């Protein structure tokens, strides 16, 4: 069995901690990258904040646990959690199976002026994980 090539979709922005974010209207959708999911191994548990919780760029907002490790999830932008992926507690494997789709984690309503500055482009993130 071959390992699929790592994808870094061009329409996303990335953090050095291996989260991705995608603007959708007044919100930003956040998840972990395919690279992070592959490094974690099989995800067995995801802990997410409550809707309405404040998050701060660069600070932990939750935890993902796999068969190999437990890792913090870091917010790419500051704001308020507007939605969580409520399917992940019962189906954490979605993080591995579809990290850029059904495996999304949270939606954030960013604070005014927080325009995802300092995040990496797809090319910059690909270079980061290539080492």
N, C-alpha and C. Protein backbone atom coordinates (compact mmCIF):
# COMPACT_ATOMS: atom_id res chain seq x y z
N UNK A 1 0.85 -1.18 0.00
CA UNK A 1 0.00 0.00 0.00
C UNK A 1 0.89 1.24 0.00
N UNK A 2 0.58 2.19 -0.85
CA UNK A 2 1.38 3.40 -0.92
C UNK A 2 0.75 4.49 -0.08
N UNK A 3 1.57 5.37 0.42
CA UNK A 3 1.10 6.52 1.18
C UNK A 3 0.71 7.62 0.22
N UNK A 4 -0.48 8.22 0.40
CA UNK A 4 -0.86 9.30 -0.51
C UNK A 4 0.07 10.50 -0.34
N UNK A 5 0.26 11.23 -1.41
CA UNK A 5 1.10 12.42 -1.34
C UNK A 5 0.46 13.44 -0.39
N UNK A 6 1.30 14.15 0.33
CA UNK A 6 0.80 15.19 1.23
C UNK A 6 0.22 16.33 0.40
N UNK A 7 -0.97 16.76 0.76
CA UNK A 7 -1.57 17.88 0.05
C UNK A 7 -1.59 19.11 0.94
N UNK A 8 -1.38 20.24 0.31
CA UNK A 8 -1.47 21.54 0.99
C UNK A 8 -2.29 22.44 0.08
N UNK A 9 -3.63 22.38 0.20
CA UNK A 9 -4.48 23.17 -0.69
C UNK A 9 -4.12 24.65 -0.70
N UNK A 10 -4.09 25.22 -1.91
CA UNK A 10 -3.71 26.62 -2.09
C UNK A 10 -4.69 27.61 -1.48
N UNK A 11 -5.95 27.21 -1.26
CA UNK A 11 -6.95 28.14 -0.73
C UNK A 11 -6.92 28.26 0.78
N UNK A 12 -5.96 27.60 1.43
CA UNK A 12 -5.87 27.63 2.89
C UNK A 12 -4.63 28.40 3.33
N UNK A 13 -4.65 28.84 4.59
CA UNK A 13 -3.47 29.39 5.25
C UNK A 13 -3.08 28.39 6.34
N UNK A 14 -1.81 28.41 6.73
CA UNK A 14 -1.28 27.39 7.62
C UNK A 14 -0.50 28.00 8.78
N UNK A 15 -0.44 27.24 9.90
CA UNK A 15 0.39 27.65 11.03
C UNK A 15 1.61 26.74 11.08
N UNK A 16 2.62 27.19 11.79
CA UNK A 16 3.82 26.36 11.98
C UNK A 16 3.52 25.17 12.90
N UNK A 17 2.38 25.21 13.60
CA UNK A 17 1.96 24.12 14.49
C UNK A 17 1.09 23.11 13.75
N UNK A 18 0.93 23.28 12.42
CA UNK A 18 0.25 22.32 11.55
C UNK A 18 -1.27 22.38 11.59
N UNK A 19 -1.81 23.58 11.83
CA UNK A 19 -3.24 23.81 11.65
C UNK A 19 -3.44 24.54 10.32
N UNK A 20 -4.63 24.39 9.75
CA UNK A 20 -5.00 25.15 8.55
C UNK A 20 -6.21 26.00 8.89
N UNK A 21 -6.41 27.05 8.11
CA UNK A 21 -7.61 27.86 8.28
C UNK A 21 -8.08 28.36 6.92
N UNK A 22 -9.41 28.49 6.82
CA UNK A 22 -10.04 28.90 5.58
C UNK A 22 -11.13 29.92 5.90
N UNK A 23 -11.03 31.15 5.38
CA UNK A 23 -12.11 32.12 5.60
C UNK A 23 -13.39 31.67 4.90
N UNK A 24 -14.49 31.78 5.60
CA UNK A 24 -15.82 31.52 5.03
C UNK A 24 -16.75 32.59 5.56
N UNK A 25 -17.01 33.59 4.75
CA UNK A 25 -17.83 34.71 5.21
C UNK A 25 -17.16 35.42 6.37
N UNK A 26 -17.89 35.59 7.46
CA UNK A 26 -17.36 36.29 8.63
C UNK A 26 -16.64 35.34 9.58
N UNK A 27 -16.48 34.07 9.19
CA UNK A 27 -15.85 33.07 10.04
C UNK A 27 -14.60 32.50 9.40
N UNK A 28 -13.83 31.82 10.22
CA UNK A 28 -12.65 31.10 9.76
C UNK A 28 -12.80 29.65 10.22
N UNK A 29 -12.74 28.72 9.28
CA UNK A 29 -12.81 27.29 9.60
C UNK A 29 -11.39 26.81 9.87
N UNK A 30 -11.22 25.98 10.93
CA UNK A 30 -9.90 25.54 11.37
C UNK A 30 -9.86 24.03 11.50
N UNK A 31 -8.73 23.45 11.10
CA UNK A 31 -8.50 22.02 11.29
C UNK A 31 -7.02 21.75 11.34
N UNK A 32 -6.65 20.47 11.37
CA UNK A 32 -5.24 20.10 11.33
C UNK A 32 -4.90 19.64 9.92
N UNK A 33 -3.66 19.81 9.54
CA UNK A 33 -3.23 19.47 8.18
C UNK A 33 -3.12 17.97 8.00
N UNK A 34 -3.08 17.56 6.75
CA UNK A 34 -2.89 16.15 6.43
C UNK A 34 -1.56 15.67 7.00
N UNK A 35 -0.54 16.52 6.95
CA UNK A 35 0.76 16.17 7.51
C UNK A 35 0.63 15.88 9.01
N UNK A 36 -0.07 16.76 9.74
CA UNK A 36 -0.25 16.56 11.18
C UNK A 36 -1.00 15.27 11.45
N UNK A 37 -2.07 15.03 10.69
CA UNK A 37 -2.85 13.81 10.88
C UNK A 37 -2.00 12.57 10.64
N UNK A 38 -1.13 12.62 9.64
CA UNK A 38 -0.29 11.46 9.36
C UNK A 38 0.76 11.25 10.44
N UNK A 39 1.27 12.35 11.00
CA UNK A 39 2.27 12.25 12.07
C UNK A 39 1.64 11.75 13.37
N UNK A 40 0.39 12.13 13.61
CA UNK A 40 -0.30 11.70 14.82
C UNK A 40 -0.60 10.21 14.81
N UNK A 41 -0.90 9.68 13.64
CA UNK A 41 -1.40 8.31 13.56
C UNK A 41 -2.91 8.33 13.74
N UNK A 42 -3.48 7.20 14.09
CA UNK A 42 -4.94 7.11 14.19
C UNK A 42 -5.46 7.96 15.34
N UNK A 43 -6.26 8.97 15.01
CA UNK A 43 -6.85 9.84 16.03
C UNK A 43 -7.99 9.10 16.71
N UNK A 44 -7.96 9.10 18.06
CA UNK A 44 -8.97 8.38 18.84
C UNK A 44 -9.83 9.29 19.69
N UNK A 45 -9.41 10.56 19.86
CA UNK A 45 -10.16 11.49 20.71
C UNK A 45 -9.82 12.92 20.33
N UNK A 46 -10.84 13.77 20.33
CA UNK A 46 -10.64 15.19 20.06
C UNK A 46 -11.40 15.97 21.12
N UNK A 47 -10.71 16.90 21.79
CA UNK A 47 -11.34 17.77 22.78
C UNK A 47 -11.37 19.18 22.20
N UNK A 48 -12.58 19.74 22.08
CA UNK A 48 -12.77 21.06 21.49
C UNK A 48 -13.40 22.00 22.50
N UNK A 49 -13.20 23.30 22.33
CA UNK A 49 -13.80 24.27 23.26
C UNK A 49 -15.30 24.38 23.03
N UNK A 50 -15.97 25.02 23.97
CA UNK A 50 -17.41 25.26 23.84
C UNK A 50 -17.66 26.39 22.85
N UNK A 51 -18.80 26.34 22.19
CA UNK A 51 -19.21 27.46 21.35
C UNK A 51 -19.32 28.69 22.25
N UNK A 52 -18.78 29.81 21.78
CA UNK A 52 -18.76 31.04 22.57
C UNK A 52 -17.47 31.27 23.33
N UNK A 53 -16.61 30.26 23.38
CA UNK A 53 -15.33 30.39 24.09
C UNK A 53 -14.40 31.31 23.31
N UNK A 54 -13.65 32.15 24.01
CA UNK A 54 -12.65 32.96 23.33
C UNK A 54 -11.41 32.13 23.00
N UNK A 55 -10.77 32.44 21.86
CA UNK A 55 -9.50 31.81 21.51
C UNK A 55 -8.52 32.92 21.14
N UNK A 56 -7.25 32.64 21.37
CA UNK A 56 -6.19 33.61 21.09
C UNK A 56 -5.19 33.00 20.12
N UNK A 57 -4.87 33.75 19.07
CA UNK A 57 -3.92 33.28 18.07
C UNK A 57 -2.64 32.79 18.73
N UNK A 58 -2.21 31.59 18.33
CA UNK A 58 -0.98 31.02 18.85
C UNK A 58 -1.13 30.29 20.16
N UNK A 59 -2.33 30.31 20.74
CA UNK A 59 -2.57 29.64 22.03
C UNK A 59 -3.42 28.39 21.81
N UNK A 60 -3.27 27.39 22.70
CA UNK A 60 -4.06 26.16 22.56
C UNK A 60 -5.57 26.41 22.68
N UNK A 61 -6.34 25.69 21.86
CA UNK A 61 -7.79 25.76 21.98
C UNK A 61 -8.41 24.38 22.22
N UNK A 62 -7.62 23.33 22.09
CA UNK A 62 -8.14 21.99 22.28
C UNK A 62 -7.01 20.98 22.24
N UNK A 63 -7.41 19.71 22.22
CA UNK A 63 -6.45 18.61 22.27
C UNK A 63 -6.89 17.53 21.28
N UNK A 64 -5.91 16.95 20.62
CA UNK A 64 -6.17 15.77 19.78
C UNK A 64 -5.29 14.64 20.32
N UNK A 65 -5.92 13.48 20.50
CA UNK A 65 -5.22 12.32 21.03
C UNK A 65 -5.24 11.22 19.99
N UNK A 66 -4.08 10.62 19.79
CA UNK A 66 -3.98 9.51 18.84
C UNK A 66 -3.41 8.31 19.56
N UNK A 67 -3.26 7.23 18.82
CA UNK A 67 -2.67 6.04 19.42
C UNK A 67 -1.21 6.28 19.78
N UNK A 68 -0.59 7.31 19.17
CA UNK A 68 0.83 7.58 19.40
C UNK A 68 1.09 8.71 20.40
N UNK A 69 0.19 9.72 20.48
CA UNK A 69 0.51 10.88 21.30
C UNK A 69 -0.74 11.72 21.60
N UNK A 70 -0.53 12.72 22.45
CA UNK A 70 -1.54 13.73 22.74
C UNK A 70 -0.92 15.07 22.35
N UNK A 71 -1.65 15.86 21.55
CA UNK A 71 -1.12 17.13 21.07
C UNK A 71 -2.13 18.25 21.26
N UNK A 72 -1.62 19.42 21.61
CA UNK A 72 -2.47 20.61 21.67
C UNK A 72 -2.83 21.06 20.27
N UNK A 73 -3.99 21.69 20.15
CA UNK A 73 -4.42 22.35 18.92
C UNK A 73 -4.27 23.85 19.15
N UNK A 74 -3.71 24.57 18.19
CA UNK A 74 -3.43 25.99 18.36
C UNK A 74 -4.30 26.84 17.44
N UNK A 75 -4.84 27.92 17.99
CA UNK A 75 -5.70 28.81 17.21
C UNK A 75 -4.86 29.63 16.23
N UNK A 76 -5.25 29.68 14.96
CA UNK A 76 -4.53 30.49 13.99
C UNK A 76 -4.90 31.97 14.06
N UNK A 77 -6.07 32.26 14.61
CA UNK A 77 -6.54 33.64 14.75
C UNK A 77 -7.20 33.81 16.11
N UNK A 78 -7.31 35.05 16.56
CA UNK A 78 -8.02 35.36 17.80
C UNK A 78 -9.48 35.64 17.50
N UNK A 79 -10.34 35.25 18.42
CA UNK A 79 -11.76 35.50 18.24
C UNK A 79 -12.59 34.65 19.16
N UNK A 80 -13.81 34.34 18.71
CA UNK A 80 -14.76 33.56 19.49
C UNK A 80 -15.16 32.32 18.69
N UNK A 81 -15.23 31.18 19.36
CA UNK A 81 -15.65 29.95 18.71
C UNK A 81 -17.13 30.09 18.35
N UNK A 82 -17.43 29.99 17.06
CA UNK A 82 -18.82 30.12 16.61
C UNK A 82 -19.47 28.77 16.33
N UNK A 83 -18.67 27.72 16.14
CA UNK A 83 -19.20 26.37 15.93
C UNK A 83 -18.08 25.37 16.16
N UNK A 84 -18.45 24.16 16.53
CA UNK A 84 -17.50 23.05 16.63
C UNK A 84 -18.02 21.91 15.76
N UNK A 85 -17.11 21.05 15.36
CA UNK A 85 -17.49 19.87 14.59
C UNK A 85 -18.01 18.83 15.58
N UNK A 86 -19.32 18.80 15.76
CA UNK A 86 -19.92 17.93 16.78
C UNK A 86 -19.87 16.44 16.42
N UNK A 87 -19.43 16.11 15.21
CA UNK A 87 -19.31 14.69 14.84
C UNK A 87 -17.99 14.08 15.32
N UNK A 88 -17.00 14.91 15.65
CA UNK A 88 -15.68 14.36 15.99
C UNK A 88 -15.65 13.52 17.26
N UNK A 89 -16.42 13.83 18.31
CA UNK A 89 -16.36 12.96 19.49
C UNK A 89 -16.72 11.50 19.17
N UNK A 90 -17.67 11.29 18.28
CA UNK A 90 -18.09 9.94 17.92
C UNK A 90 -17.34 9.39 16.71
N UNK A 91 -16.71 10.25 15.93
CA UNK A 91 -16.00 9.82 14.72
C UNK A 91 -14.67 10.56 14.57
N UNK A 92 -13.76 10.42 15.55
CA UNK A 92 -12.48 11.15 15.47
C UNK A 92 -11.63 10.74 14.27
N UNK A 93 -11.90 9.57 13.70
CA UNK A 93 -11.14 9.12 12.53
C UNK A 93 -11.32 10.04 11.33
N UNK A 94 -12.33 10.91 11.34
CA UNK A 94 -12.51 11.87 10.25
C UNK A 94 -11.29 12.78 10.12
N UNK A 95 -10.60 13.03 11.23
CA UNK A 95 -9.39 13.87 11.18
C UNK A 95 -8.36 13.22 10.26
N UNK A 96 -8.22 11.90 10.32
CA UNK A 96 -7.27 11.20 9.46
C UNK A 96 -7.80 11.03 8.04
N UNK A 97 -9.09 10.71 7.93
CA UNK A 97 -9.66 10.38 6.63
C UNK A 97 -9.88 11.60 5.73
N UNK A 98 -10.24 12.74 6.31
CA UNK A 98 -10.58 13.93 5.52
C UNK A 98 -10.22 15.20 6.30
N UNK A 99 -8.90 15.43 6.53
CA UNK A 99 -8.50 16.55 7.40
C UNK A 99 -8.92 17.92 6.88
N UNK A 100 -9.07 18.09 5.56
CA UNK A 100 -9.44 19.40 5.00
C UNK A 100 -10.94 19.52 4.74
N UNK A 101 -11.69 18.47 5.06
CA UNK A 101 -13.13 18.48 4.82
C UNK A 101 -13.90 18.14 6.08
N UNK A 102 -14.39 16.88 6.14
CA UNK A 102 -15.23 16.45 7.27
C UNK A 102 -14.47 16.45 8.59
N UNK A 103 -13.15 16.48 8.56
CA UNK A 103 -12.35 16.47 9.78
C UNK A 103 -12.04 17.84 10.35
N UNK A 104 -12.75 18.89 9.86
CA UNK A 104 -12.52 20.23 10.41
C UNK A 104 -12.80 20.22 11.92
N UNK A 105 -12.23 21.19 12.65
CA UNK A 105 -12.36 21.21 14.11
C UNK A 105 -13.36 22.26 14.60
N UNK A 106 -13.03 23.54 14.34
CA UNK A 106 -13.86 24.63 14.86
C UNK A 106 -14.02 25.73 13.82
N UNK A 107 -15.01 26.58 14.06
CA UNK A 107 -15.18 27.83 13.32
C UNK A 107 -14.97 28.96 14.32
N UNK A 108 -14.22 29.96 13.89
CA UNK A 108 -13.92 31.12 14.74
C UNK A 108 -14.47 32.37 14.07
N UNK A 109 -15.11 33.20 14.86
CA UNK A 109 -15.47 34.54 14.39
C UNK A 109 -14.32 35.45 14.85
N UNK A 110 -13.43 35.84 13.91
CA UNK A 110 -12.23 36.59 14.32
C UNK A 110 -12.55 37.96 14.90
N UNK A 111 -11.67 38.43 15.77
CA UNK A 111 -11.79 39.79 16.28
C UNK A 111 -11.52 40.75 15.11
N UNK A 112 -12.15 41.92 15.12
CA UNK A 112 -11.91 42.87 14.02
C UNK A 112 -10.42 43.17 13.87
N UNK A 113 -9.97 43.16 12.64
CA UNK A 113 -8.57 43.49 12.35
C UNK A 113 -7.64 42.29 12.33
N UNK A 114 -8.09 41.13 12.83
CA UNK A 114 -7.24 39.94 12.81
C UNK A 114 -7.43 39.27 11.46
N UNK A 115 -6.60 39.60 10.51
CA UNK A 115 -6.75 39.12 9.13
C UNK A 115 -5.78 38.00 8.80
N UNK A 116 -5.51 37.15 9.74
CA UNK A 116 -4.65 35.99 9.52
C UNK A 116 -3.23 36.38 9.14
N UNK A 117 -2.74 37.47 9.70
CA UNK A 117 -1.37 37.88 9.45
C UNK A 117 -0.41 36.88 10.09
N UNK A 118 0.69 36.68 9.45
CA UNK A 118 1.71 35.79 10.00
C UNK A 118 1.49 34.32 9.68
N UNK A 119 0.41 33.99 8.98
CA UNK A 119 0.19 32.61 8.61
C UNK A 119 0.93 32.28 7.32
N UNK A 120 1.15 31.00 7.10
CA UNK A 120 1.93 30.56 5.95
C UNK A 120 1.04 30.29 4.74
N UNK A 121 1.57 30.56 3.57
CA UNK A 121 0.91 30.17 2.32
C UNK A 121 1.09 28.67 2.15
N UNK A 122 0.37 28.08 1.19
CA UNK A 122 0.51 26.65 0.93
C UNK A 122 1.96 26.31 0.54
N UNK A 123 2.57 27.14 -0.28
CA UNK A 123 3.96 26.88 -0.70
C UNK A 123 4.91 26.96 0.48
N UNK A 124 4.72 27.96 1.36
CA UNK A 124 5.59 28.09 2.53
C UNK A 124 5.40 26.92 3.49
N UNK A 125 4.15 26.48 3.66
CA UNK A 125 3.90 25.33 4.54
C UNK A 125 4.51 24.05 3.95
N UNK A 126 4.36 23.86 2.65
CA UNK A 126 4.95 22.69 2.00
C UNK A 126 6.47 22.67 2.21
N UNK A 127 7.10 23.85 2.12
CA UNK A 127 8.54 23.94 2.34
C UNK A 127 8.88 23.62 3.81
N UNK A 128 8.04 24.06 4.73
CA UNK A 128 8.26 23.80 6.16
C UNK A 128 8.25 22.29 6.44
N UNK A 129 7.25 21.58 5.92
CA UNK A 129 7.17 20.15 6.23
C UNK A 129 8.17 19.33 5.43
N UNK A 130 8.66 19.89 4.34
CA UNK A 130 9.70 19.20 3.56
C UNK A 130 11.04 19.22 4.29
N UNK A 131 11.15 20.19 5.24
CA UNK A 131 12.36 20.27 6.02
C UNK A 131 13.41 21.04 5.34
